[in-house]
C-alpha atoms as a PDB file:
ATOM      1  CA  MET A   1     130.248 113.295 129.741  1.00  0.00           C
ATOM      2  CA  THR A   2     128.154 113.460 132.925  1.00  0.00           C
ATOM      3  CA  THR A   3     124.611 112.144 132.795  1.00  0.00           C
ATOM      4  CA  ALA A   4     122.015 114.614 134.059  1.00  0.00           C
ATOM      5  CA  THR A   5     120.081 113.760 137.190  1.00  0.00           C
ATOM      6  CA  SER A   6     116.387 113.193 136.484  1.00  0.00           C
ATOM      7  CA  VAL A   7     113.607 115.087 138.215  1.00  0.00           C
ATOM      8  CA  ASP A   8     112.344 111.798 139.655  1.00  0.00           C
ATOM      9  CA  VAL A   9     115.721 111.020 141.242  1.00  0.00           C
ATOM     10  CA  LEU A  10     116.000 114.556 142.637  1.00  0.00           C
ATOM     11  CA  THR A  11     112.440 114.586 143.981  1.00  0.00           C
ATOM     12  CA  ALA A  12     112.881 111.215 145.716  1.00  0.00           C
ATOM     13  CA  PHE A  13     116.271 112.037 147.220  1.00  0.00           C
ATOM     14  CA  PRO A  14     115.252 113.965 150.394  1.00  0.00           C
ATOM     15  CA  ALA A  15     113.019 111.121 151.609  1.00  0.00           C
ATOM     16  CA  ARG A  16     115.803 108.575 150.980  1.00  0.00           C
ATOM     17  CA  TYR A  17     118.328 110.768 152.778  1.00  0.00           C
ATOM     18  CA  CYS A  18     116.099 111.407 155.802  1.00  0.00           C
ATOM     19  CA  ALA A  19     115.242 107.703 156.032  1.00  0.00           C
ATOM     20  CA  ALA A  20     118.959 106.841 155.946  1.00  0.00           C
ATOM     21  CA  TRP A  21     119.706 109.257 158.809  1.00  0.00           C
ATOM     22  CA  SER A  22     116.725 107.998 160.802  1.00  0.00           C
ATOM     23  CA  GLN A  23     118.027 104.463 161.134  1.00  0.00           C
ATOM     24  CA  ASP A  24     121.168 103.257 162.812  1.00  0.00           C
ATOM     25  CA  ASP A  25     122.695 101.627 159.724  1.00  0.00           C
ATOM     26  CA  LEU A  26     125.945 103.031 158.365  1.00  0.00           C
ATOM     27  CA  ALA A  27     125.771 101.060 155.088  1.00  0.00           C
ATOM     28  CA  THR A  28     122.313 102.477 154.278  1.00  0.00           C
ATOM     29  CA  PHE A  29     123.564 105.954 155.115  1.00  0.00           C
ATOM     30  CA  LEU A  30     126.670 105.648 152.927  1.00  0.00           C
ATOM     31  CA  ASP A  31     124.534 104.311 150.071  1.00  0.00           C
ATOM     32  CA  VAL A  32     122.831 107.706 149.636  1.00  0.00           C
ATOM     33  CA  ILE A  33     126.050 109.721 149.451  1.00  0.00           C
ATOM     34  CA  SER A  34     128.884 109.677 146.945  1.00  0.00           C
ATOM     35  CA  PRO A  35     132.313 108.455 148.095  1.00  0.00           C
ATOM     36  CA  GLU A  36     133.568 111.937 147.101  1.00  0.00           C
ATOM     37  CA  VAL A  37     130.799 113.893 148.886  1.00  0.00           C
ATOM     38  CA  ARG A  38     131.634 117.401 150.117  1.00  0.00           C
ATOM     39  CA  TRP A  39     129.748 118.097 153.348  1.00  0.00           C
ATOM     40  CA  GLU A  40     129.089 121.391 155.127  1.00  0.00           C
ATOM     41  CA  ASP A  41     127.285 121.473 158.466  1.00  0.00           C
ATOM     42  CA  PRO A  42     127.060 124.350 160.956  1.00  0.00           C
ATOM     43  CA  LEU A  43     128.400 122.145 163.782  1.00  0.00           C
ATOM     44  CA  LEU A  44     131.534 121.276 161.822  1.00  0.00           C
ATOM     45  CA  PRO A  45     134.593 123.523 162.093  1.00  0.00           C
ATOM     46  CA  GLU A  46     135.185 122.976 158.368  1.00  0.00           C
ATOM     47  CA  PRO A  47     133.667 120.911 155.559  1.00  0.00           C
ATOM     48  CA  PHE A  48     134.794 117.352 155.046  1.00  0.00           C
ATOM     49  CA  VAL A  49     135.126 115.319 151.873  1.00  0.00           C
ATOM     50  CA  GLY A  50     134.444 111.619 151.400  1.00  0.00           C
ATOM     51  CA  HIS A  51     132.982 108.590 153.076  1.00  0.00           C
ATOM     52  CA  GLU A  52     135.591 108.605 155.853  1.00  0.00           C
ATOM     53  CA  GLY A  53     134.429 111.994 157.121  1.00  0.00           C
ATOM     54  CA  ALA A  54     130.779 111.057 156.595  1.00  0.00           C
ATOM     55  CA  THR A  55     131.282 107.862 158.590  1.00  0.00           C
ATOM     56  CA  GLY A  56     132.757 109.749 161.541  1.00  0.00           C
ATOM     57  CA  PHE A  57     130.012 112.378 161.428  1.00  0.00           C
ATOM     58  CA  PHE A  58     127.228 109.780 161.244  1.00  0.00           C
ATOM     59  CA  GLN A  59     128.688 107.592 163.992  1.00  0.00           C
ATOM     60  CA  GLY A  60     129.264 110.593 166.278  1.00  0.00           C
ATOM     61  CA  ALA A  61     125.717 111.830 165.797  1.00  0.00           C
ATOM     62  CA  ARG A  62     124.227 108.352 166.334  1.00  0.00           C
ATOM     63  CA  LEU A  63     126.364 107.901 169.480  1.00  0.00           C
ATOM     64  CA  GLY A  64     125.097 111.167 170.955  1.00  0.00           C
ATOM     65  CA  PHE A  65     121.516 110.824 169.757  1.00  0.00           C
ATOM     66  CA  PRO A  66     120.708 107.126 169.133  1.00  0.00           C
ATOM     67  CA  ASP A  67     117.025 107.880 168.491  1.00  0.00           C
ATOM     68  CA  MET A  68     117.716 110.775 166.094  1.00  0.00           C
ATOM     69  CA  ALA A  69     115.199 111.031 163.257  1.00  0.00           C
ATOM     70  CA  PHE A  70     114.398 113.423 160.434  1.00  0.00           C
ATOM     71  CA  GLU A  71     110.897 114.225 159.211  1.00  0.00           C
ATOM     72  CA  LEU A  72     110.412 116.097 155.947  1.00  0.00           C
ATOM     73  CA  VAL A  73     108.291 119.235 155.902  1.00  0.00           C
ATOM     74  CA  GLY A  74     106.483 120.015 152.655  1.00  0.00           C
ATOM     75  CA  GLU A  75     107.666 119.143 149.185  1.00  0.00           C
ATOM     76  CA  PRO A  76     111.277 119.412 147.994  1.00  0.00           C
ATOM     77  CA  LEU A  77     112.406 122.252 145.753  1.00  0.00           C
ATOM     78  CA  VAL A  78     114.058 120.814 142.643  1.00  0.00           C
ATOM     79  CA  ASP A  79     116.650 122.517 140.426  1.00  0.00           C
ATOM     80  CA  GLU A  80     116.913 120.004 137.603  1.00  0.00           C
ATOM     81  CA  ALA A  81     119.254 122.161 135.494  1.00  0.00           C
ATOM     82  CA  ASN A  82     121.918 121.997 138.224  1.00  0.00           C
ATOM     83  CA  GLY A  83     121.143 118.590 139.730  1.00  0.00           C
ATOM     84  CA  ARG A  84     120.190 120.146 143.060  1.00  0.00           C
ATOM     85  CA  VAL A  85     117.331 119.651 145.486  1.00  0.00           C
ATOM     86  CA  SER A  86     116.451 121.346 148.782  1.00  0.00           C
ATOM     87  CA  ALA A  87     114.049 120.307 151.492  1.00  0.00           C
ATOM     88  CA  GLU A  88     112.992 121.406 154.947  1.00  0.00           C
ATOM     89  CA  TRP A  89     113.015 118.932 157.803  1.00  0.00           C
ATOM     90  CA  VAL A  90     112.589 118.618 161.552  1.00  0.00           C
ATOM     91  CA  MET A  91     115.293 116.746 163.444  1.00  0.00           C
ATOM     92  CA  THR A  92     114.319 115.084 166.725  1.00  0.00           C
ATOM     93  CA  GLY A  93     116.223 113.026 169.215  1.00  0.00           C
ATOM     94  CA  THR A  94     117.402 112.583 172.788  1.00  0.00           C
ATOM     95  CA  HIS A  95     120.871 113.412 174.072  1.00  0.00           C
ATOM     96  CA  THR A  96     121.713 110.057 175.690  1.00  0.00           C
ATOM     97  CA  GLY A  97     125.311 109.701 174.550  1.00  0.00           C
ATOM     98  CA  GLU A  98     128.465 111.801 174.594  1.00  0.00           C
ATOM     99  CA  PHE A  99     128.159 114.496 171.949  1.00  0.00           C
ATOM    100  CA  PRO A 100     130.172 116.507 171.334  1.00  0.00           C
ATOM    101  CA  PRO A 101     133.154 114.541 172.694  1.00  0.00           C
ATOM    102  CA  GLY A 102     133.725 115.401 176.348  1.00  0.00           C
ATOM    103  CA  ALA A 103     130.299 117.021 176.832  1.00  0.00           C
ATOM    104  CA  PRO A 104     128.077 115.799 179.653  1.00  0.00           C
ATOM    105  CA  VAL A 105     125.038 113.740 178.658  1.00  0.00           C
ATOM    106  CA  SER A 106     121.866 115.703 179.436  1.00  0.00           C
ATOM    107  CA  GLY A 107     119.126 113.190 178.657  1.00  0.00           C
ATOM    108  CA  ASN A 108     117.210 116.095 177.081  1.00  0.00           C
ATOM    109  CA  SER A 109     115.083 115.727 173.969  1.00  0.00           C
ATOM    110  CA  PHE A 110     115.223 118.176 171.090  1.00  0.00           C
ATOM    111  CA  ARG A 111     113.191 119.236 168.081  1.00  0.00           C
ATOM    112  CA  VAL A 112     115.141 121.402 165.639  1.00  0.00           C
ATOM    113  CA  PRO A 113     113.886 122.645 162.254  1.00  0.00           C
ATOM    114  CA  GLY A 114     116.307 122.983 159.372  1.00  0.00           C
ATOM    115  CA  SER A 115     116.911 122.350 155.714  1.00  0.00           C
ATOM    116  CA  ASP A 116     119.458 120.776 153.439  1.00  0.00           C
ATOM    117  CA  THR A 117     120.500 121.443 149.881  1.00  0.00           C
ATOM    118  CA  TRP A 118     122.029 118.545 147.997  1.00  0.00           C
ATOM    119  CA  GLU A 119     123.732 118.116 144.665  1.00  0.00           C
ATOM    120  CA  VAL A 120     122.748 114.650 143.505  1.00  0.00           C
ATOM    121  CA  ASP A 121     124.331 112.493 140.808  1.00  0.00           C
ATOM    122  CA  ALA A 122     122.428 110.413 138.260  1.00  0.00           C
ATOM    123  CA  ASP A 123     122.791 107.366 140.544  1.00  0.00           C
ATOM    124  CA  GLY A 124     120.853 109.161 143.289  1.00  0.00           C
ATOM    125  CA  ARG A 125     123.788 109.864 145.619  1.00  0.00           C
ATOM    126  CA  ALA A 126     124.626 113.233 147.149  1.00  0.00           C
ATOM    127  CA  THR A 127     127.849 114.727 145.827  1.00  0.00           C
ATOM    128  CA  SER A 128     127.450 117.691 148.164  1.00  0.00           C
ATOM    129  CA  VAL A 129     125.460 118.349 151.326  1.00  0.00           C
ATOM    130  CA  HIS A 130     124.807 121.824 152.721  1.00  0.00           C
ATOM    131  CA  ALA A 131     122.962 121.642 156.052  1.00  0.00           C
ATOM    132  CA  HIS A 132     121.215 124.704 157.486  1.00  0.00           C
ATOM    133  CA  TYR A 133     119.883 124.841 161.050  1.00  0.00           C
ATOM    134  CA  ASP A 134     120.247 126.917 164.183  1.00  0.00           C
ATOM    135  CA  THR A 135     122.978 125.253 166.220  1.00  0.00           C
ATOM    136  CA  LEU A 136     122.121 127.408 169.250  1.00  0.00           C
ATOM    137  CA  THR A 137     118.618 125.914 169.322  1.00  0.00           C
ATOM    138  CA  LEU A 138     120.127 122.414 169.373  1.00  0.00           C
ATOM    139  CA  LEU A 139     122.800 123.259 171.956  1.00  0.00           C
ATOM    140  CA  LYS A 140     120.243 124.928 174.266  1.00  0.00           C
ATOM    141  CA  ALA A 141     117.905 121.954 173.990  1.00  0.00           C
ATOM    142  CA  ILE A 142     120.628 119.519 175.079  1.00  0.00           C
ATOM    143  CA  GLY A 143     121.857 121.809 177.858  1.00  0.00           C
ATOM    144  CA  LEU A 144     125.144 122.949 176.315  1.00  0.00           C
ATOM    145  CA  ALA A 145     124.260 126.630 175.812  1.00  0.00           C
END
């Protein structure tokens, strides 16, 4: 039997997740996601599953945007019955590394609004991540569109 995720765990999750992305520490990042996480992001050609895919995604993003940070906007929306939480955020950073692979480094800064919806287990780790943001806004800001 699966233990339900508490409202407190769900409400706290977006801040933990954004803090994990905003520092260059893979272990902290992996601590907020399940080893079996299913991840969907508009920049990915297809979803990935597991820590291996999450590691590659995190390291690629941190390589391209070493100063990347996420700031929450407003309060999260909690769906306790389904163990889900959504939150809006603003992603900022500077394109100082190669991302995507083979792309020229622009040195441009960006500020991109978006949101995520997470399914979170009782231990406070995301079992699924669904990112929503305008990739064209990001690509234009870093000079790739």
